[in-house]
Each structure stands twice: as structure tokens, then as C-alpha cells.
Amino acid sequence: LVVIPLIPIILGSIGGANLILFEGTSIGLSSKKKKIYREICLSLELGISKLYVFQQKALADKLLTNDEIEQSRKISDDIKNEILVIKNKNIKK
């Protein structure tokens, strides 16, 4: 009479199910956070490059006009708003 070792088979299948469910979920959540991080980084890079242009103009002119100050404030506000939109968009999903 051959006895099938049921306990190791059951424990192995429970371990496999655990791996599939919990590790798959954690990988999915971390990839979503990476996507959010990439979008925020892209938004920051674009805003910083725009601000860099204003800085270079001011250094070349040795003059900082009110218009340039307002435009740089607008760009920094746009950056903040874009980051909030990215975060809110991904929280709702």
C-alpha cells in the first residue's frame, strides 16, 4: 500500500497560493507607485528647465524684471498644481 504524503502537498499548495496572492499584490502596488513617481519627476524636470531659462536670462541681463518674477512664480505654481493633479488622479484609481 502506497501512502500519499498529503501534509507536504497541502502545505506546498498553501505556500504557493500565498506567494501568488500577496507577492503579486505587492508588486502591483509598487509598480503603481513607481509610475506616480516617474510622472512627478517628469513634471519637476520640465518645470526646473523652464525656471533655468529665466535664471540664465537674468544672469545675462544682470536685470530681473517684474515680468520675469511673475512668470517664474507662475511656473512654480504650475509645477505644484501638476503634482497635485498627478497625485489626485492616481489616488482616485
C-alpha atoms as a PDB file:
ATOM      1  CA  LEU A   1       0.000   0.000   0.000  1.00  0.00           C
ATOM      2  CA  VAL A   2       1.405   3.367  -1.067  1.00  0.00           C
ATOM      3  CA  VAL A   3       0.571   6.292   1.199  1.00  0.00           C
ATOM      4  CA  ILE A   4       0.474   9.686  -0.460  1.00  0.00           C
ATOM      5  CA  PRO A   5       2.080  12.321   1.745  1.00  0.00           C
ATOM      6  CA  LEU A   6      -0.861  14.699   1.969  1.00  0.00           C
ATOM      7  CA  ILE A   7       0.552  17.117   4.535  1.00  0.00           C
ATOM      8  CA  PRO A   8       3.540  18.264   2.426  1.00  0.00           C
ATOM      9  CA  ILE A   9       1.311  18.581  -0.648  1.00  0.00           C
ATOM     10  CA  ILE A  10      -1.232  20.717   1.229  1.00  0.00           C
ATOM     11  CA  LEU A  11       1.430  22.900   2.818  1.00  0.00           C
ATOM     12  CA  GLY A  12       3.165  23.363  -0.528  1.00  0.00           C
ATOM     13  CA  SER A  13      -0.045  24.410  -2.248  1.00  0.00           C
ATOM     14  CA  ILE A  14      -0.852  26.863   0.571  1.00  0.00           C
ATOM     15  CA  GLY A  15       2.639  28.353   0.268  1.00  0.00           C
ATOM     16  CA  GLY A  16       2.279  28.685  -3.492  1.00  0.00           C
ATOM     17  CA  ALA A  17      -1.105  30.381  -3.168  1.00  0.00           C
ATOM     18  CA  ASN A  18       0.338  32.724  -0.550  1.00  0.00           C
ATOM     19  CA  LEU A  19       3.199  33.640  -2.851  1.00  0.00           C
ATOM     20  CA  ILE A  20       0.918  34.301  -5.808  1.00  0.00           C
ATOM     21  CA  LEU A  21      -1.635  36.383  -3.888  1.00  0.00           C
ATOM     22  CA  PHE A  22       0.496  38.533  -1.621  1.00  0.00           C
ATOM     23  CA  GLU A  23       3.637  38.957  -3.687  1.00  0.00           C
ATOM     24  CA  GLY A  24       1.638  39.713  -6.816  1.00  0.00           C
ATOM     25  CA  THR A  25      -0.331  42.351  -4.933  1.00  0.00           C
ATOM     26  CA  SER A  26       2.793  43.984  -3.548  1.00  0.00           C
ATOM     27  CA  ILE A  27       4.432  44.044  -6.987  1.00  0.00           C
ATOM     28  CA  GLY A  28       1.311  45.665  -8.443  1.00  0.00           C
ATOM     29  CA  LEU A  29       1.224  48.335  -5.744  1.00  0.00           C
ATOM     30  CA  SER A  30       4.915  49.126  -6.056  1.00  0.00           C
ATOM     31  CA  SER A  31       4.691  49.451  -9.848  1.00  0.00           C
ATOM     32  CA  LYS A  32       1.808  51.916  -9.416  1.00  0.00           C
ATOM     33  CA  LYS A  33       3.925  53.983  -7.007  1.00  0.00           C
ATOM     34  CA  LYS A  34       6.831  53.901  -9.460  1.00  0.00           C
ATOM     35  CA  LYS A  35       4.542  55.222 -12.204  1.00  0.00           C
ATOM     36  CA  ILE A  36       3.380  58.084  -9.966  1.00  0.00           C
ATOM     37  CA  TYR A  37       6.996  58.850  -9.061  1.00  0.00           C
ATOM     38  CA  ARG A  38       8.033  58.915 -12.739  1.00  0.00           C
ATOM     39  CA  GLU A  39       5.190  61.293 -13.634  1.00  0.00           C
ATOM     40  CA  ILE A  40       6.081  63.638 -10.776  1.00  0.00           C
ATOM     41  CA  CYS A  41       9.774  63.567 -11.734  1.00  0.00           C
ATOM     42  CA  LEU A  42       8.937  64.393 -15.350  1.00  0.00           C
ATOM     43  CA  SER A  43       6.769  67.307 -14.254  1.00  0.00           C
ATOM     44  CA  LEU A  44       9.531  68.602 -11.976  1.00  0.00           C
ATOM     45  CA  GLU A  45      12.166  68.271 -14.690  1.00  0.00           C
ATOM     46  CA  LEU A  46      10.079  70.290 -17.150  1.00  0.00           C
ATOM     47  CA  GLY A  47       9.389  73.000 -14.603  1.00  0.00           C
ATOM     48  CA  ILE A  48      13.005  73.208 -13.479  1.00  0.00           C
ATOM     49  CA  SER A  49      14.200  73.534 -17.069  1.00  0.00           C
ATOM     50  CA  LYS A  50      11.756  76.422 -17.608  1.00  0.00           C
ATOM     51  CA  LEU A  51      12.982  78.125 -14.441  1.00  0.00           C
ATOM     52  CA  TYR A  52      16.562  77.602 -15.584  1.00  0.00           C
ATOM     53  CA  VAL A  53      15.834  79.620 -18.725  1.00  0.00           C
ATOM     54  CA  PHE A  54      14.677  82.557 -16.609  1.00  0.00           C
ATOM     55  CA  GLN A  55      17.748  82.270 -14.406  1.00  0.00           C
ATOM     56  CA  GLN A  56      20.060  82.341 -17.425  1.00  0.00           C
ATOM     57  CA  LYS A  57      18.252  85.383 -18.858  1.00  0.00           C
ATOM     58  CA  ALA A  58      18.613  87.212 -15.556  1.00  0.00           C
ATOM     59  CA  LEU A  59      22.314  86.347 -15.356  1.00  0.00           C
ATOM     60  CA  ALA A  60      22.914  87.514 -18.923  1.00  0.00           C
ATOM     61  CA  ASP A  61      20.985  90.805 -18.482  1.00  0.00           C
ATOM     62  CA  LYS A  62      22.036  91.321 -14.883  1.00  0.00           C
ATOM     63  CA  LEU A  63      18.472  92.551 -14.580  1.00  0.00           C
ATOM     64  CA  LEU A  64      15.430  90.824 -13.123  1.00  0.00           C
ATOM     65  CA  THR A  65      12.164  92.372 -14.240  1.00  0.00           C
ATOM     66  CA  ASN A  66       8.812  92.095 -12.509  1.00  0.00           C
ATOM     67  CA  ASP A  67       7.502  90.224 -15.537  1.00  0.00           C
ATOM     68  CA  GLU A  68      10.200  87.556 -15.173  1.00  0.00           C
ATOM     69  CA  ILE A  69       9.453  87.246 -11.442  1.00  0.00           C
ATOM     70  CA  GLU A  70       5.745  86.778 -12.147  1.00  0.00           C
ATOM     71  CA  GLN A  71       6.449  84.220 -14.879  1.00  0.00           C
ATOM     72  CA  SER A  72       8.746  82.246 -12.590  1.00  0.00           C
ATOM     73  CA  ARG A  73       6.093  82.287  -9.856  1.00  0.00           C
ATOM     74  CA  LYS A  74       3.522  81.105 -12.377  1.00  0.00           C
ATOM     75  CA  ILE A  75       5.800  78.245 -13.448  1.00  0.00           C
ATOM     76  CA  SER A  76       6.398  77.171  -9.844  1.00  0.00           C
ATOM     77  CA  ASP A  77       2.643  77.311  -9.177  1.00  0.00           C
ATOM     78  CA  ASP A  78       2.044  75.237 -12.313  1.00  0.00           C
ATOM     79  CA  ILE A  79       4.541  72.655 -11.081  1.00  0.00           C
ATOM     80  CA  LYS A  80       2.773  72.414  -7.710  1.00  0.00           C
ATOM     81  CA  ASN A  81      -0.621  72.109  -9.397  1.00  0.00           C
ATOM     82  CA  GLU A  82       0.598  69.417 -11.811  1.00  0.00           C
ATOM     83  CA  ILE A  83       1.972  67.352  -8.919  1.00  0.00           C
ATOM     84  CA  LEU A  84      -1.329  67.675  -7.043  1.00  0.00           C
ATOM     85  CA  VAL A  85      -3.245  66.619 -10.176  1.00  0.00           C
ATOM     86  CA  ILE A  86      -0.968  63.589 -10.632  1.00  0.00           C
ATOM     87  CA  LYS A  87      -1.388  62.544  -7.000  1.00  0.00           C
ATOM     88  CA  ASN A  88      -5.167  63.070  -7.001  1.00  0.00           C
ATOM     89  CA  LYS A  89      -5.602  61.311 -10.338  1.00  0.00           C
ATOM     90  CA  ASN A  90      -3.765  58.241  -9.076  1.00  0.00           C
ATOM     91  CA  ILE A  91      -5.479  58.209  -5.673  1.00  0.00           C
ATOM     92  CA  LYS A  92      -8.912  58.023  -7.331  1.00  0.00           C
ATOM     93  CA  LYS A  93      -7.932  54.937  -9.356  1.00  0.00           C
END
